[in-house]
PDB file of N, CA and C in Angstrom:
ATOM      1  N   MET A   1      21.353  13.789 -20.841  1.00  0.00           N
ATOM      2  CA  MET A   1      21.473  12.368 -20.588  1.00  0.00           C
ATOM      3  C   MET A   1      20.334  11.649 -21.290  1.00  0.00           C
ATOM      4  N   ALA A   2      20.654  10.651 -22.050  1.00  0.00           N
ATOM      5  CA  ALA A   2      19.633   9.869 -22.746  1.00  0.00           C
ATOM      6  C   ALA A   2      18.982   8.891 -21.785  1.00  0.00           C
ATOM      7  N   VAL A   3      17.690   8.745 -21.932  1.00  0.00           N
ATOM      8  CA  VAL A   3      16.938   7.810 -21.096  1.00  0.00           C
ATOM      9  C   VAL A   3      16.406   6.708 -21.985  1.00  0.00           C
ATOM     10  N   SER A   4      16.577   5.479 -21.560  1.00  0.00           N
ATOM     11  CA  SER A   4      16.023   4.363 -22.314  1.00  0.00           C
ATOM     12  C   SER A   4      15.194   3.499 -21.381  1.00  0.00           C
ATOM     13  N   TYR A   5      14.256   2.783 -21.941  1.00  0.00           N
ATOM     14  CA  TYR A   5      13.421   1.896 -21.141  1.00  0.00           C
ATOM     15  C   TYR A   5      13.007   0.721 -22.001  1.00  0.00           C
ATOM     16  N   THR A   6      12.548  -0.325 -21.324  1.00  0.00           N
ATOM     17  CA  THR A   6      12.059  -1.524 -21.998  1.00  0.00           C
ATOM     18  C   THR A   6      10.678  -1.835 -21.469  1.00  0.00           C
ATOM     19  N   LEU A   7       9.711  -1.951 -22.357  1.00  0.00           N
ATOM     20  CA  LEU A   7       8.362  -2.340 -21.972  1.00  0.00           C
ATOM     21  C   LEU A   7       8.324  -3.860 -21.949  1.00  0.00           C
ATOM     22  N   LEU A   8       8.057  -4.419 -20.764  1.00  0.00           N
ATOM     23  CA  LEU A   8       8.076  -5.866 -20.612  1.00  0.00           C
ATOM     24  C   LEU A   8       6.738  -6.511 -20.940  1.00  0.00           C
ATOM     25  N   GLY A   9       5.652  -5.779 -20.798  1.00  0.00           N
ATOM     26  CA  GLY A   9       4.357  -6.357 -21.088  1.00  0.00           C
ATOM     27  C   GLY A   9       3.233  -5.443 -20.646  1.00  0.00           C
ATOM     28  N   VAL A  10       2.045  -5.860 -20.952  1.00  0.00           N
ATOM     29  CA  VAL A  10       0.846  -5.120 -20.589  1.00  0.00           C
ATOM     30  C   VAL A  10      -0.037  -6.054 -19.789  1.00  0.00           C
ATOM     31  N   CYS A  11      -0.628  -5.547 -18.725  1.00  0.00           N
ATOM     32  CA  CYS A  11      -1.539  -6.386 -17.944  1.00  0.00           C
ATOM     33  C   CYS A  11      -2.792  -5.581 -17.620  1.00  0.00           C
ATOM     34  N   PHE A  12      -3.851  -6.297 -17.394  1.00  0.00           N
ATOM     35  CA  PHE A  12      -5.118  -5.678 -17.023  1.00  0.00           C
ATOM     36  C   PHE A  12      -5.340  -5.946 -15.546  1.00  0.00           C
ATOM     37  N   LEU A  13      -5.550  -4.897 -14.779  1.00  0.00           N
ATOM     38  CA  LEU A  13      -5.665  -5.011 -13.334  1.00  0.00           C
ATOM     39  C   LEU A  13      -7.107  -4.816 -12.882  1.00  0.00           C
ATOM     40  N   LYS A  14      -7.482  -5.564 -11.851  1.00  0.00           N
ATOM     41  CA  LYS A  14      -8.786  -5.343 -11.221  1.00  0.00           C
ATOM     42  C   LYS A  14      -8.696  -4.076 -10.385  1.00  0.00           C
ATOM     43  N   GLU A  15      -9.864  -3.563  -9.997  1.00  0.00           N
ATOM     44  CA  GLU A  15      -9.868  -2.380  -9.147  1.00  0.00           C
ATOM     45  C   GLU A  15      -9.048  -2.630  -7.890  1.00  0.00           C
ATOM     46  N   GLY A  16      -8.368  -1.614  -7.441  1.00  0.00           N
ATOM     47  CA  GLY A  16      -7.590  -1.728  -6.214  1.00  0.00           C
ATOM     48  C   GLY A  16      -6.365  -0.852  -6.255  1.00  0.00           C
ATOM     49  N   ARG A  17      -5.600  -0.956  -5.213  1.00  0.00           N
ATOM     50  CA  ARG A  17      -4.360  -0.169  -5.096  1.00  0.00           C
ATOM     51  C   ARG A  17      -3.191  -1.126  -5.286  1.00  0.00           C
ATOM     52  N   TYR A  18      -2.271  -0.736  -6.148  1.00  0.00           N
ATOM     53  CA  TYR A  18      -1.115  -1.563  -6.468  1.00  0.00           C
ATOM     54  C   TYR A  18       0.152  -0.773  -6.193  1.00  0.00           C
ATOM     55  N   GLU A  19       1.066  -1.380  -5.453  1.00  0.00           N
ATOM     56  CA  GLU A  19       2.338  -0.745  -5.136  1.00  0.00           C
ATOM     57  C   GLU A  19       3.441  -1.365  -5.982  1.00  0.00           C
ATOM     58  N   TYR A  20       4.421  -0.548  -6.319  1.00  0.00           N
ATOM     59  CA  TYR A  20       5.504  -1.024  -7.174  1.00  0.00           C
ATOM     60  C   TYR A  20       6.756  -0.168  -6.973  1.00  0.00           C
ATOM     61  N   LYS A  21       7.872  -0.681  -7.469  1.00  0.00           N
ATOM     62  CA  LYS A  21       9.131   0.052  -7.538  1.00  0.00           C
ATOM     63  C   LYS A  21       9.780  -0.279  -8.866  1.00  0.00           C
ATOM     64  N   TYR A  22      10.810   0.474  -9.191  1.00  0.00           N
ATOM     65  CA  TYR A  22      11.592   0.249 -10.400  1.00  0.00           C
ATOM     66  C   TYR A  22      12.959  -0.307 -10.013  1.00  0.00           C
ATOM     67  N   ILE A  23      13.542  -1.070 -10.914  1.00  0.00           N
ATOM     68  CA  ILE A  23      14.927  -1.509 -10.727  1.00  0.00           C
ATOM     69  C   ILE A  23      15.780  -0.676 -11.678  1.00  0.00           C
ATOM     70  N   VAL A  24      16.669   0.131 -11.105  1.00  0.00           N
ATOM     71  CA  VAL A  24      17.547   0.995 -11.885  1.00  0.00           C
ATOM     72  C   VAL A  24      18.984   0.684 -11.475  1.00  0.00           C
ATOM     73  N   ASP A  25      19.772   0.287 -12.438  1.00  0.00           N
ATOM     74  CA  ASP A  25      21.172  -0.074 -12.173  1.00  0.00           C
ATOM     75  C   ASP A  25      21.276  -1.079 -11.027  1.00  0.00           C
ATOM     76  N   GLY A  26      20.341  -2.039 -11.001  1.00  0.00           N
ATOM     77  CA  GLY A  26      20.371  -3.105 -10.000  1.00  0.00           C
ATOM     78  C   GLY A  26      19.837  -2.727  -8.636  1.00  0.00           C
ATOM     79  N   LYS A  27      19.284  -1.519  -8.490  1.00  0.00           N
ATOM     80  CA  LYS A  27      18.763  -1.069  -7.202  1.00  0.00           C
ATOM     81  C   LYS A  27      17.264  -0.787  -7.314  1.00  0.00           C
ATOM     82  N   TRP A  28      16.520  -1.124  -6.257  1.00  0.00           N
ATOM     83  CA  TRP A  28      15.092  -0.819  -6.206  1.00  0.00           C
ATOM     84  C   TRP A  28      14.922   0.644  -5.840  1.00  0.00           C
ATOM     85  N   VAL A  29      14.181   1.399  -6.683  1.00  0.00           N
ATOM     86  CA  VAL A  29      13.988   2.831  -6.436  1.00  0.00           C
ATOM     87  C   VAL A  29      12.542   3.232  -6.731  1.00  0.00           C
ATOM     88  N   CYS A  30      12.137   4.331  -6.111  1.00  0.00           N
ATOM     89  CA  CYS A  30      10.832   4.942  -6.394  1.00  0.00           C
ATOM     90  C   CYS A  30      11.045   6.111  -7.347  1.00  0.00           C
ATOM     91  N   ASN A  31       9.992   6.454  -8.059  1.00  0.00           N
ATOM     92  CA  ASN A  31      10.013   7.644  -8.906  1.00  0.00           C
ATOM     93  C   ASN A  31       9.397   8.772  -8.086  1.00  0.00           C
ATOM     94  N   GLU A  32      10.185   9.781  -7.785  1.00  0.00           N
ATOM     95  CA  GLU A  32       9.708  10.883  -6.945  1.00  0.00           C
ATOM     96  C   GLU A  32       8.628  11.717  -7.620  1.00  0.00           C
ATOM     97  N   HIS A  33       8.400  11.522  -8.913  1.00  0.00           N
ATOM     98  CA  HIS A  33       7.389  12.285  -9.641  1.00  0.00           C
ATOM     99  C   HIS A  33       6.058  11.532  -9.752  1.00  0.00           C
ATOM    100  N   GLU A  34       5.963  10.386  -9.098  1.00  0.00           N
ATOM    101  CA  GLU A  34       4.724   9.600  -9.070  1.00  0.00           C
ATOM    102  C   GLU A  34       4.260   9.473  -7.625  1.00  0.00           C
ATOM    103  N   ASN A  35       3.024   9.006  -7.437  1.00  0.00           N
ATOM    104  CA  ASN A  35       2.492   8.834  -6.082  1.00  0.00           C
ATOM    105  C   ASN A  35       3.390   7.908  -5.269  1.00  0.00           C
ATOM    106  N   ILE A  36       3.658   8.298  -4.013  1.00  0.00           N
ATOM    107  CA  ILE A  36       4.508   7.511  -3.121  1.00  0.00           C
ATOM    108  C   ILE A  36       3.746   7.224  -1.837  1.00  0.00           C
ATOM    109  N   THR A  37       3.876   5.979  -1.345  1.00  0.00           N
ATOM    110  CA  THR A  37       3.213   5.577  -0.111  1.00  0.00           C
ATOM    111  C   THR A  37       3.917   6.214   1.088  1.00  0.00           C
ATOM    112  N   LYS A  38       3.257   6.168   2.221  1.00  0.00           N
ATOM    113  CA  LYS A  38       3.906   6.533   3.471  1.00  0.00           C
ATOM    114  C   LYS A  38       4.839   5.385   3.847  1.00  0.00           C
ATOM    115  N   PRO A  39       5.884   5.646   4.612  1.00  0.00           N
ATOM    116  CA  PRO A  39       6.780   4.561   5.017  1.00  0.00           C
ATOM    117  C   PRO A  39       6.027   3.481   5.801  1.00  0.00           C
ATOM    118  N   ASN A  40       6.345   2.208   5.516  1.00  0.00           N
ATOM    119  CA  ASN A  40       5.731   1.114   6.265  1.00  0.00           C
ATOM    120  C   ASN A  40       6.523   0.890   7.554  1.00  0.00           C
ATOM    121  N   ALA A  41       6.231  -0.198   8.272  1.00  0.00           N
ATOM    122  CA  ALA A  41       6.880  -0.469   9.557  1.00  0.00           C
ATOM    123  C   ALA A  41       8.400  -0.578   9.428  1.00  0.00           C
ATOM    124  N   ASP A  42       8.878  -0.999   8.245  1.00  0.00           N
ATOM    125  CA  ASP A  42      10.320  -1.129   8.026  1.00  0.00           C
ATOM    126  C   ASP A  42      10.941   0.139   7.450  1.00  0.00           C
ATOM    127  N   GLY A  43      10.121   1.173   7.248  1.00  0.00           N
ATOM    128  CA  GLY A  43      10.625   2.424   6.698  1.00  0.00           C
ATOM    129  C   GLY A  43      10.686   2.470   5.181  1.00  0.00           C
ATOM    130  N   HIS A  44      10.148   1.444   4.518  1.00  0.00           N
ATOM    131  CA  HIS A  44      10.184   1.383   3.056  1.00  0.00           C
ATOM    132  C   HIS A  44       9.005   2.144   2.459  1.00  0.00           C
ATOM    133  N   VAL A  45       9.238   2.768   1.314  1.00  0.00           N
ATOM    134  CA  VAL A  45       8.172   3.434   0.571  1.00  0.00           C
ATOM    135  C   VAL A  45       8.120   2.843  -0.830  1.00  0.00           C
ATOM    136  N   ASN A  46       6.956   2.920  -1.463  1.00  0.00           N
ATOM    137  CA  ASN A  46       6.741   2.410  -2.813  1.00  0.00           C
ATOM    138  C   ASN A  46       5.968   3.439  -3.614  1.00  0.00           C
ATOM    139  N   ASN A  47       6.040   3.348  -4.927  1.00  0.00           N
ATOM    140  CA  ASN A  47       5.097   4.071  -5.775  1.00  0.00           C
ATOM    141  C   ASN A  47       3.808   3.271  -5.774  1.00  0.00           C
ATOM    142  N   TYR A  48       2.710   3.920  -6.115  1.00  0.00           N
ATOM    143  CA  TYR A  48       1.447   3.182  -6.194  1.00  0.00           C
ATOM    144  C   TYR A  48       0.536   3.785  -7.252  1.00  0.00           C
ATOM    145  N   VAL A  49      -0.404   2.958  -7.684  1.00  0.00           N
ATOM    146  CA  VAL A  49      -1.444   3.404  -8.599  1.00  0.00           C
ATOM    147  C   VAL A  49      -2.776   2.888  -8.061  1.00  0.00           C
ATOM    148  N   GLN A  50      -3.798   3.724  -8.123  1.00  0.00           N
ATOM    149  CA  GLN A  50      -5.146   3.342  -7.705  1.00  0.00           C
ATOM    150  C   GLN A  50      -5.938   3.066  -8.976  1.00  0.00           C
ATOM    151  N   VAL A  51      -6.357   1.823  -9.177  1.00  0.00           N
ATOM    152  CA  VAL A  51      -7.085   1.429 -10.378  1.00  0.00           C
ATOM    153  C   VAL A  51      -8.571   1.463 -10.081  1.00  0.00           C
ATOM    154  N   ARG A  52      -9.308   2.153 -10.939  1.00  0.00           N
ATOM    155  CA  ARG A  52     -10.768   2.224 -10.808  1.00  0.00           C
ATOM    156  C   ARG A  52     -11.392   1.703 -12.094  1.00  0.00           C
ATOM    157  N   PHE A  53     -12.560   1.114 -11.986  1.00  0.00           N
ATOM    158  CA  PHE A  53     -13.258   0.595 -13.151  1.00  0.00           C
ATOM    159  C   PHE A  53     -14.226   1.641 -13.672  1.00  0.00           C
ATOM    160  N   PHE A  54     -14.189   1.857 -14.972  1.00  0.00           N
ATOM    161  CA  PHE A  54     -15.142   2.735 -15.626  1.00  0.00           C
ATOM    162  C   PHE A  54     -15.895   1.892 -16.645  1.00  0.00           C
ATOM    163  N   PRO A  55     -17.224   1.924 -16.655  1.00  0.00           N
ATOM    164  CA  PRO A  55     -17.984   1.090 -17.591  1.00  0.00           C
ATOM    165  C   PRO A  55     -17.530   1.235 -19.037  1.00  0.00           C
ATOM    166  N   GLN A  56     -17.091   2.432 -19.440  1.00  0.00           N
ATOM    167  CA  GLN A  56     -16.651   2.646 -20.812  1.00  0.00           C
ATOM    168  C   GLN A  56     -15.412   1.806 -21.134  1.00  0.00           C
ATOM    169  N   SER A  57     -14.622   1.467 -20.116  1.00  0.00           N
ATOM    170  CA  SER A  57     -13.401   0.708 -20.369  1.00  0.00           C
ATOM    171  C   SER A  57     -13.716  -0.704 -20.854  1.00  0.00           C
ATOM    172  N   ALA A  58     -14.867  -1.245 -20.496  1.00  0.00           N
ATOM    173  CA  ALA A  58     -15.246  -2.579 -20.969  1.00  0.00           C
ATOM    174  C   ALA A  58     -15.392  -2.575 -22.484  1.00  0.00           C
ATOM    175  N   ASP A  59     -15.912  -1.497 -23.058  1.00  0.00           N
ATOM    176  CA  ASP A  59     -16.057  -1.399 -24.507  1.00  0.00           C
ATOM    177  C   ASP A  59     -14.682  -1.432 -25.187  1.00  0.00           C
ATOM    178  N   VAL A  60     -13.708  -0.765 -24.603  1.00  0.00           N
ATOM    179  CA  VAL A  60     -12.364  -0.740 -25.170  1.00  0.00           C
ATOM    180  C   VAL A  60     -11.759  -2.138 -25.108  1.00  0.00           C
ATOM    181  N   LEU A  61     -11.910  -2.817 -23.993  1.00  0.00           N
ATOM    182  CA  LEU A  61     -11.353  -4.166 -23.852  1.00  0.00           C
ATOM    183  C   LEU A  61     -11.963  -5.138 -24.852  1.00  0.00           C
ATOM    184  N   ASN A  62     -13.226  -4.985 -25.156  1.00  0.00           N
ATOM    185  CA  ASN A  62     -13.888  -5.864 -26.102  1.00  0.00           C
ATOM    186  C   ASN A  62     -13.379  -5.680 -27.527  1.00  0.00           C
ATOM    187  N   GLN A  63     -12.719  -4.560 -27.813  1.00  0.00           N
ATOM    188  CA  GLN A  63     -12.209  -4.288 -29.145  1.00  0.00           C
ATOM    189  C   GLN A  63     -10.807  -4.849 -29.365  1.00  0.00           C
ATOM    190  N   ILE A  64     -10.173  -5.344 -28.298  1.00  0.00           N
ATOM    191  CA  ILE A  64      -8.823  -5.899 -28.429  1.00  0.00           C
ATOM    192  C   ILE A  64      -8.909  -7.297 -29.013  1.00  0.00           C
ATOM    193  N   PRO A  65      -8.178  -7.554 -30.118  1.00  0.00           N
ATOM    194  CA  PRO A  65      -8.265  -8.882 -30.760  1.00  0.00           C
ATOM    195  C   PRO A  65      -7.683  -9.985 -29.896  1.00  0.00           C
TER     196      PRO A  65
END
């Protein structure tokens, strides 16, 4: 099965935890191969990413035109 995707944009995030889901065929879904939250009060789960700041990353950002 061929897989296709569309990159909508790039963003720079501050330190913190960010939760997200994907829309696949019009439905909100999690990727079981990525970090998943525990169910919330409504029983919903999300994927998440923990963003940390590394001083070296500032040098990389300064090189972006």
